[in-house]
Amino acid sequence: MEEYRFNIRVYGILINNDGKVLLSTERRKGFEFTKFPGGGMDWGEGSKDCIIREIKEELGIEIEIKKLFYLTEHFQTSAFREKDQLISIYYLLESNELSRIEDGMLSLDPNEEENFFYWHELDQIKEEMITFPIDKEVLNLLKESH
């Protein structure tokens, strides 16, 4: 019998000196999606440790957590497992190393062969460019706050 479980995802919002926001475009299991950078929390890891690790693995940079930006407050199932309830945490991040992230950069994580990063003007990001419902909510909140 398959069981229901929680799936905790932690994402980072990075905005460079030109005011551009970093998004990730990935392909997994034949499905392409665009979202904020980040990923799943490992057992024994806190949410801040998770985003620091994810950004280091994928982008090779050190970050500073500026503040908690958003936490899922409603029920959301996973796009990949219908018996997973997502809990998503988004942090506003800062880094002195953002210039190292080139537009179209491939993830440094060897387990992510098709994960590319692109800088986007915030006002040019349309909701339909973002794949997942929670990321769309976060995009709209980000636009309202900037």
N, C-alpha and C. Protein backbone atom coordinates (compact mmCIF):
# COMPACT_ATOMS: atom_id res chain seq x y z
N MET A 1 0.84 -1.18 0.00
CA MET A 1 0.00 0.00 0.00
C MET A 1 0.89 1.26 0.00
N GLU A 2 0.60 2.14 -0.95
CA GLU A 2 1.38 3.38 -1.03
C GLU A 2 0.91 4.34 0.05
N GLU A 3 1.85 5.00 0.70
CA GLU A 3 1.47 5.90 1.77
C GLU A 3 1.58 7.36 1.34
N TYR A 4 0.84 8.19 2.04
CA TYR A 4 0.90 9.62 1.82
C TYR A 4 2.08 10.16 2.60
N ARG A 5 2.73 11.20 2.05
CA ARG A 5 3.87 11.77 2.76
C ARG A 5 3.99 13.25 2.45
N PHE A 6 4.79 13.92 3.28
CA PHE A 6 5.11 15.32 3.06
C PHE A 6 6.40 15.40 2.26
N ASN A 7 6.47 16.36 1.36
CA ASN A 7 7.65 16.60 0.54
C ASN A 7 8.01 18.07 0.75
N ILE A 8 9.11 18.32 1.45
CA ILE A 8 9.51 19.69 1.77
C ILE A 8 10.54 20.16 0.75
N ARG A 9 10.22 21.26 0.10
CA ARG A 9 11.06 21.84 -0.95
C ARG A 9 11.49 23.24 -0.49
N VAL A 10 12.74 23.59 -0.75
CA VAL A 10 13.25 24.90 -0.32
C VAL A 10 13.86 25.59 -1.55
N TYR A 11 13.46 26.85 -1.75
CA TYR A 11 13.87 27.59 -2.94
C TYR A 11 14.46 28.94 -2.56
N GLY A 12 15.31 29.44 -3.47
CA GLY A 12 15.95 30.72 -3.25
C GLY A 12 15.58 31.72 -4.33
N ILE A 13 15.39 32.94 -3.91
CA ILE A 13 15.13 34.05 -4.83
C ILE A 13 16.40 34.88 -4.87
N LEU A 14 17.06 34.86 -6.03
CA LEU A 14 18.29 35.62 -6.24
C LEU A 14 18.02 36.72 -7.26
N ILE A 15 18.37 37.95 -6.89
CA ILE A 15 18.19 39.11 -7.77
C ILE A 15 19.56 39.77 -7.92
N ASN A 16 20.03 39.89 -9.17
CA ASN A 16 21.35 40.45 -9.39
C ASN A 16 21.34 41.99 -9.36
N ASN A 17 22.49 42.60 -9.56
CA ASN A 17 22.62 44.07 -9.50
C ASN A 17 21.83 44.78 -10.59
N ASP A 18 21.50 44.06 -11.67
CA ASP A 18 20.68 44.63 -12.74
C ASP A 18 19.19 44.44 -12.49
N GLY A 19 18.83 43.88 -11.33
CA GLY A 19 17.43 43.66 -11.00
C GLY A 19 16.83 42.43 -11.66
N LYS A 20 17.68 41.56 -12.20
CA LYS A 20 17.19 40.34 -12.85
C LYS A 20 17.08 39.20 -11.85
N VAL A 21 16.06 38.37 -12.04
CA VAL A 21 15.77 37.24 -11.17
C VAL A 21 16.26 35.95 -11.82
N LEU A 22 16.85 35.08 -11.02
CA LEU A 22 17.35 33.81 -11.54
C LEU A 22 16.25 32.75 -11.48
N LEU A 23 16.03 32.08 -12.63
CA LEU A 23 15.11 30.96 -12.71
C LEU A 23 15.85 29.75 -13.26
N SER A 24 15.33 28.59 -12.94
CA SER A 24 15.89 27.33 -13.38
C SER A 24 14.93 26.66 -14.36
N THR A 25 15.45 26.17 -15.48
CA THR A 25 14.66 25.38 -16.42
C THR A 25 15.26 23.99 -16.44
N GLU A 26 14.44 23.01 -16.09
CA GLU A 26 14.92 21.64 -15.94
C GLU A 26 14.09 20.67 -16.77
N ARG A 27 14.70 19.51 -17.04
CA ARG A 27 13.99 18.40 -17.66
C ARG A 27 14.20 17.17 -16.80
N ARG A 28 13.08 16.56 -16.39
CA ARG A 28 13.13 15.33 -15.61
C ARG A 28 11.97 14.45 -16.02
N LYS A 29 12.26 13.20 -16.19
CA LYS A 29 11.23 12.22 -16.53
C LYS A 29 10.40 12.66 -17.74
N GLY A 30 11.07 13.28 -18.72
CA GLY A 30 10.38 13.72 -19.94
C GLY A 30 9.53 14.96 -19.76
N PHE A 31 9.66 15.65 -18.65
CA PHE A 31 8.84 16.82 -18.33
C PHE A 31 9.76 18.03 -18.17
N GLU A 32 9.49 19.12 -18.90
CA GLU A 32 10.28 20.35 -18.77
C GLU A 32 9.52 21.33 -17.90
N PHE A 33 10.25 21.99 -16.99
CA PHE A 33 9.60 22.94 -16.09
C PHE A 33 10.56 24.08 -15.74
N THR A 34 9.97 25.23 -15.43
CA THR A 34 10.72 26.41 -15.02
C THR A 34 10.25 26.79 -13.62
N LYS A 35 11.21 27.07 -12.76
CA LYS A 35 10.93 27.34 -11.35
C LYS A 35 12.06 28.16 -10.76
N PHE A 36 11.93 28.49 -9.48
CA PHE A 36 13.02 29.13 -8.76
C PHE A 36 14.06 28.07 -8.39
N PRO A 37 15.33 28.43 -8.26
CA PRO A 37 16.36 27.46 -7.91
C PRO A 37 16.13 26.89 -6.51
N GLY A 38 16.48 25.64 -6.35
CA GLY A 38 16.35 24.98 -5.05
C GLY A 38 15.97 23.54 -5.23
N GLY A 39 15.57 22.90 -4.13
CA GLY A 39 15.20 21.50 -4.22
C GLY A 39 14.74 20.94 -2.89
N GLY A 40 14.84 19.63 -2.78
CA GLY A 40 14.29 18.92 -1.64
C GLY A 40 15.18 18.91 -0.42
N MET A 41 14.52 19.00 0.74
CA MET A 41 15.22 18.95 2.01
C MET A 41 15.56 17.50 2.34
N ASP A 42 16.80 17.28 2.76
CA ASP A 42 17.25 15.95 3.16
C ASP A 42 16.94 15.72 4.64
N TRP A 43 16.84 14.44 5.01
CA TRP A 43 16.63 14.08 6.41
C TRP A 43 17.77 14.64 7.25
N GLY A 44 17.42 15.25 8.38
CA GLY A 44 18.41 15.81 9.29
C GLY A 44 18.85 17.21 8.96
N GLU A 45 18.24 17.80 7.94
CA GLU A 45 18.63 19.13 7.45
C GLU A 45 17.53 20.14 7.79
N GLY A 46 17.93 21.34 8.17
CA GLY A 46 16.97 22.42 8.34
C GLY A 46 16.76 23.14 7.02
N SER A 47 15.74 23.97 6.94
CA SER A 47 15.42 24.65 5.67
C SER A 47 16.54 25.59 5.22
N LYS A 48 17.18 26.29 6.14
CA LYS A 48 18.27 27.19 5.76
C LYS A 48 19.48 26.39 5.28
N ASP A 49 19.79 25.30 5.98
CA ASP A 49 20.89 24.43 5.54
C ASP A 49 20.61 23.89 4.15
N CYS A 50 19.36 23.54 3.89
CA CYS A 50 18.97 22.98 2.60
C CYS A 50 19.23 23.96 1.46
N ILE A 51 18.79 25.20 1.60
CA ILE A 51 18.95 26.14 0.48
C ILE A 51 20.43 26.51 0.30
N ILE A 52 21.17 26.58 1.37
CA ILE A 52 22.61 26.85 1.26
C ILE A 52 23.27 25.70 0.49
N ARG A 53 22.93 24.45 0.82
CA ARG A 53 23.49 23.28 0.13
C ARG A 53 23.05 23.25 -1.33
N GLU A 54 21.77 23.44 -1.59
CA GLU A 54 21.25 23.37 -2.96
C GLU A 54 21.94 24.40 -3.87
N ILE A 55 22.06 25.62 -3.39
CA ILE A 55 22.68 26.68 -4.20
C ILE A 55 24.17 26.37 -4.42
N LYS A 56 24.84 25.87 -3.39
CA LYS A 56 26.26 25.51 -3.53
C LYS A 56 26.42 24.38 -4.54
N GLU A 57 25.57 23.34 -4.46
CA GLU A 57 25.65 22.20 -5.39
C GLU A 57 25.36 22.61 -6.83
N GLU A 58 24.32 23.42 -7.01
CA GLU A 58 23.86 23.74 -8.36
C GLU A 58 24.63 24.90 -9.00
N LEU A 59 24.99 25.91 -8.20
CA LEU A 59 25.59 27.13 -8.75
C LEU A 59 27.02 27.38 -8.30
N GLY A 60 27.47 26.68 -7.27
CA GLY A 60 28.84 26.83 -6.81
C GLY A 60 29.14 28.14 -6.11
N ILE A 61 28.11 28.77 -5.56
CA ILE A 61 28.34 30.05 -4.88
C ILE A 61 27.90 29.99 -3.42
N GLU A 62 28.46 30.88 -2.64
CA GLU A 62 28.05 31.06 -1.25
C GLU A 62 26.93 32.09 -1.22
N ILE A 63 25.96 31.87 -0.36
CA ILE A 63 24.84 32.80 -0.24
C ILE A 63 24.64 33.22 1.21
N GLU A 64 23.91 34.30 1.35
CA GLU A 64 23.45 34.76 2.65
C GLU A 64 21.93 34.81 2.59
N ILE A 65 21.29 34.30 3.62
CA ILE A 65 19.83 34.33 3.65
C ILE A 65 19.41 35.68 4.19
N LYS A 66 18.68 36.41 3.36
CA LYS A 66 18.21 37.75 3.73
C LYS A 66 16.97 37.65 4.61
N LYS A 67 15.96 36.88 4.13
CA LYS A 67 14.75 36.69 4.94
C LYS A 67 13.87 35.61 4.32
N LEU A 68 13.00 35.06 5.17
CA LEU A 68 11.97 34.15 4.70
C LEU A 68 10.98 34.96 3.88
N PHE A 69 10.72 34.51 2.67
CA PHE A 69 9.83 35.26 1.78
C PHE A 69 8.43 34.64 1.71
N TYR A 70 8.36 33.32 1.68
CA TYR A 70 7.06 32.66 1.53
C TYR A 70 7.12 31.23 2.06
N LEU A 71 6.02 30.81 2.67
CA LEU A 71 5.84 29.45 3.14
C LEU A 71 4.45 28.99 2.71
N THR A 72 4.36 27.82 2.09
CA THR A 72 3.08 27.31 1.63
C THR A 72 2.08 27.26 2.79
N GLU A 73 0.90 27.83 2.55
CA GLU A 73 -0.13 27.87 3.60
C GLU A 73 -1.38 27.11 3.19
N HIS A 74 -1.30 26.36 2.11
CA HIS A 74 -2.47 25.62 1.64
C HIS A 74 -2.02 24.25 1.14
N PHE A 75 -2.98 23.37 0.89
CA PHE A 75 -2.66 22.04 0.41
C PHE A 75 -2.26 22.09 -1.05
N GLN A 76 -1.14 21.43 -1.39
CA GLN A 76 -0.68 21.34 -2.77
C GLN A 76 -0.06 19.97 -2.98
N THR A 77 -0.54 19.25 -3.97
CA THR A 77 0.06 17.96 -4.28
C THR A 77 1.27 18.16 -5.20
N SER A 78 2.14 17.19 -5.18
CA SER A 78 3.32 17.20 -6.03
C SER A 78 2.93 16.91 -7.48
N ALA A 79 3.64 17.54 -8.40
CA ALA A 79 3.42 17.27 -9.83
C ALA A 79 3.97 15.90 -10.22
N PHE A 80 4.83 15.33 -9.38
CA PHE A 80 5.48 14.07 -9.70
C PHE A 80 4.94 12.87 -8.92
N ARG A 81 4.36 13.11 -7.76
CA ARG A 81 3.78 12.03 -6.94
C ARG A 81 2.48 12.53 -6.33
N GLU A 82 1.38 11.99 -6.78
CA GLU A 82 0.07 12.49 -6.34
C GLU A 82 -0.20 12.25 -4.86
N LYS A 83 0.57 11.40 -4.22
CA LYS A 83 0.38 11.16 -2.79
C LYS A 83 1.38 11.93 -1.93
N ASP A 84 2.09 12.87 -2.54
CA ASP A 84 2.98 13.77 -1.80
C ASP A 84 2.30 15.12 -1.63
N GLN A 85 2.27 15.60 -0.39
CA GLN A 85 1.82 16.97 -0.13
C GLN A 85 3.06 17.84 -0.04
N LEU A 86 3.09 18.88 -0.90
CA LEU A 86 4.24 19.79 -0.91
C LEU A 86 4.14 20.83 0.19
N ILE A 87 5.26 21.07 0.80
CA ILE A 87 5.44 22.22 1.67
C ILE A 87 6.65 22.94 1.09
N SER A 88 6.44 24.14 0.60
CA SER A 88 7.51 24.89 -0.07
C SER A 88 7.88 26.12 0.73
N ILE A 89 9.19 26.32 0.85
CA ILE A 89 9.75 27.44 1.60
C ILE A 89 10.63 28.24 0.64
N TYR A 90 10.43 29.55 0.61
CA TYR A 90 11.21 30.43 -0.28
C TYR A 90 11.93 31.48 0.56
N TYR A 91 13.22 31.62 0.29
CA TYR A 91 14.03 32.63 0.96
C TYR A 91 14.53 33.65 -0.05
N LEU A 92 14.56 34.92 0.36
CA LEU A 92 15.29 35.93 -0.40
C LEU A 92 16.75 35.76 -0.03
N LEU A 93 17.59 35.67 -1.05
CA LEU A 93 19.01 35.41 -0.85
C LEU A 93 19.86 36.55 -1.38
N GLU A 94 21.07 36.65 -0.84
CA GLU A 94 22.06 37.59 -1.34
C GLU A 94 23.37 36.84 -1.54
N SER A 95 24.18 37.35 -2.46
CA SER A 95 25.50 36.77 -2.67
C SER A 95 26.39 37.79 -3.36
N ASN A 96 27.64 37.80 -2.98
CA ASN A 96 28.64 38.63 -3.66
C ASN A 96 29.18 37.94 -4.90
N GLU A 97 28.70 36.74 -5.18
CA GLU A 97 29.23 35.93 -6.27
C GLU A 97 28.25 35.75 -7.44
N LEU A 98 27.21 36.57 -7.51
CA LEU A 98 26.20 36.40 -8.56
C LEU A 98 26.76 36.59 -9.96
N SER A 99 27.83 37.35 -10.08
CA SER A 99 28.42 37.56 -11.41
C SER A 99 29.01 36.28 -11.99
N ARG A 100 29.20 35.27 -11.14
CA ARG A 100 29.72 33.98 -11.61
C ARG A 100 28.64 33.15 -12.31
N ILE A 101 27.39 33.55 -12.15
CA ILE A 101 26.29 32.80 -12.76
C ILE A 101 26.00 33.40 -14.13
N GLU A 102 26.44 32.71 -15.16
CA GLU A 102 26.22 33.18 -16.52
C GLU A 102 24.85 32.74 -17.01
N ASP A 103 24.23 33.57 -17.83
CA ASP A 103 22.93 33.25 -18.40
C ASP A 103 23.05 31.96 -19.21
N GLY A 104 22.20 30.99 -18.92
CA GLY A 104 22.24 29.70 -19.61
C GLY A 104 23.17 28.69 -18.97
N MET A 105 23.70 29.02 -17.80
CA MET A 105 24.63 28.14 -17.10
C MET A 105 23.99 26.80 -16.77
N LEU A 106 24.74 25.72 -16.99
CA LEU A 106 24.31 24.37 -16.63
C LEU A 106 24.60 24.16 -15.15
N SER A 107 23.68 23.47 -14.46
CA SER A 107 23.89 23.15 -13.06
C SER A 107 25.21 22.42 -12.87
N LEU A 108 25.90 22.73 -11.78
CA LEU A 108 27.16 22.06 -11.45
C LEU A 108 26.93 20.70 -10.81
N ASP A 109 25.69 20.42 -10.41
CA ASP A 109 25.35 19.15 -9.78
C ASP A 109 25.37 18.05 -10.85
N PRO A 110 26.25 17.06 -10.72
CA PRO A 110 26.34 16.01 -11.74
C PRO A 110 25.07 15.16 -11.86
N ASN A 111 24.20 15.22 -10.88
CA ASN A 111 22.94 14.47 -10.93
C ASN A 111 21.86 15.20 -11.71
N GLU A 112 22.14 16.42 -12.14
CA GLU A 112 21.17 17.23 -12.86
C GLU A 112 21.73 17.58 -14.23
N GLU A 113 21.57 16.66 -15.17
CA GLU A 113 22.15 16.83 -16.50
C GLU A 113 21.43 17.85 -17.35
N GLU A 114 20.18 18.11 -17.05
CA GLU A 114 19.41 19.05 -17.87
C GLU A 114 18.76 20.10 -16.99
N ASN A 115 19.59 20.88 -16.32
CA ASN A 115 19.13 21.94 -15.44
C ASN A 115 19.95 23.19 -15.77
N PHE A 116 19.29 24.17 -16.37
CA PHE A 116 19.95 25.40 -16.80
C PHE A 116 19.37 26.59 -16.06
N PHE A 117 20.21 27.61 -15.84
CA PHE A 117 19.81 28.82 -15.12
C PHE A 117 19.82 30.02 -16.06
N TYR A 118 18.78 30.84 -15.94
CA TYR A 118 18.63 32.03 -16.78
C TYR A 118 18.22 33.22 -15.92
N TRP A 119 18.80 34.37 -16.25
CA TRP A 119 18.42 35.63 -15.61
C TRP A 119 17.27 36.25 -16.40
N HIS A 120 16.25 36.76 -15.67
CA HIS A 120 15.07 37.35 -16.31
C HIS A 120 14.74 38.68 -15.64
N GLU A 121 14.36 39.65 -16.46
CA GLU A 121 13.82 40.91 -15.91
C GLU A 121 12.52 40.55 -15.19
N LEU A 122 12.38 40.99 -13.95
CA LEU A 122 11.20 40.64 -13.15
C LEU A 122 9.91 41.00 -13.87
N ASP A 123 9.85 42.21 -14.44
CA ASP A 123 8.60 42.64 -15.09
C ASP A 123 8.34 41.92 -16.41
N GLN A 124 9.34 41.18 -16.91
CA GLN A 124 9.17 40.42 -18.15
C GLN A 124 8.78 38.96 -17.91
N ILE A 125 8.82 38.54 -16.65
CA ILE A 125 8.45 37.15 -16.35
C ILE A 125 6.93 37.07 -16.29
N LYS A 126 6.37 36.32 -17.19
CA LYS A 126 4.93 36.12 -17.25
C LYS A 126 4.58 34.86 -16.45
N GLU A 127 3.42 34.89 -15.83
CA GLU A 127 3.00 33.75 -15.02
C GLU A 127 3.04 32.44 -15.80
N GLU A 128 2.69 32.49 -17.09
CA GLU A 128 2.66 31.26 -17.89
C GLU A 128 4.06 30.71 -18.17
N MET A 129 5.11 31.49 -17.91
CA MET A 129 6.49 31.00 -18.06
C MET A 129 6.88 30.08 -16.91
N ILE A 130 6.18 30.20 -15.79
CA ILE A 130 6.48 29.43 -14.59
C ILE A 130 5.57 28.20 -14.57
N THR A 131 6.12 27.06 -14.22
CA THR A 131 5.38 25.80 -14.34
C THR A 131 4.47 25.50 -13.16
N PHE A 132 4.96 25.62 -11.95
CA PHE A 132 4.24 25.11 -10.79
C PHE A 132 3.41 26.20 -10.09
N PRO A 133 2.26 25.82 -9.54
CA PRO A 133 1.34 26.80 -8.93
C PRO A 133 1.97 27.64 -7.81
N ILE A 134 2.75 27.01 -6.93
CA ILE A 134 3.32 27.77 -5.81
C ILE A 134 4.35 28.78 -6.31
N ASP A 135 5.15 28.39 -7.32
CA ASP A 135 6.12 29.33 -7.90
C ASP A 135 5.41 30.52 -8.54
N LYS A 136 4.24 30.28 -9.12
CA LYS A 136 3.45 31.38 -9.70
C LYS A 136 3.00 32.35 -8.61
N GLU A 137 2.56 31.80 -7.47
CA GLU A 137 2.18 32.64 -6.33
C GLU A 137 3.35 33.49 -5.88
N VAL A 138 4.51 32.86 -5.74
CA VAL A 138 5.71 33.56 -5.29
C VAL A 138 6.11 34.63 -6.29
N LEU A 139 6.02 34.34 -7.58
CA LEU A 139 6.33 35.34 -8.60
C LEU A 139 5.44 36.57 -8.43
N ASN A 140 4.15 36.37 -8.25
CA ASN A 140 3.23 37.49 -8.09
C ASN A 140 3.53 38.29 -6.83
N LEU A 141 3.85 37.61 -5.74
CA LEU A 141 4.22 38.30 -4.49
C LEU A 141 5.51 39.09 -4.68
N LEU A 142 6.46 38.51 -5.41
CA LEU A 142 7.73 39.20 -5.67
C LEU A 142 7.49 40.46 -6.48
N LYS A 143 6.65 40.37 -7.48
CA LYS A 143 6.33 41.55 -8.30
C LYS A 143 5.65 42.64 -7.46
N GLU A 144 4.76 42.23 -6.58
CA GLU A 144 4.07 43.20 -5.71
C GLU A 144 5.03 43.90 -4.76
N SER A 145 6.08 43.19 -4.33
CA SER A 145 7.00 43.75 -3.34
C SER A 145 8.16 44.54 -3.95
N HIS A 146 8.28 44.51 -5.28
CA HIS A 146 9.40 45.23 -5.92
C HIS A 146 8.89 46.31 -6.84
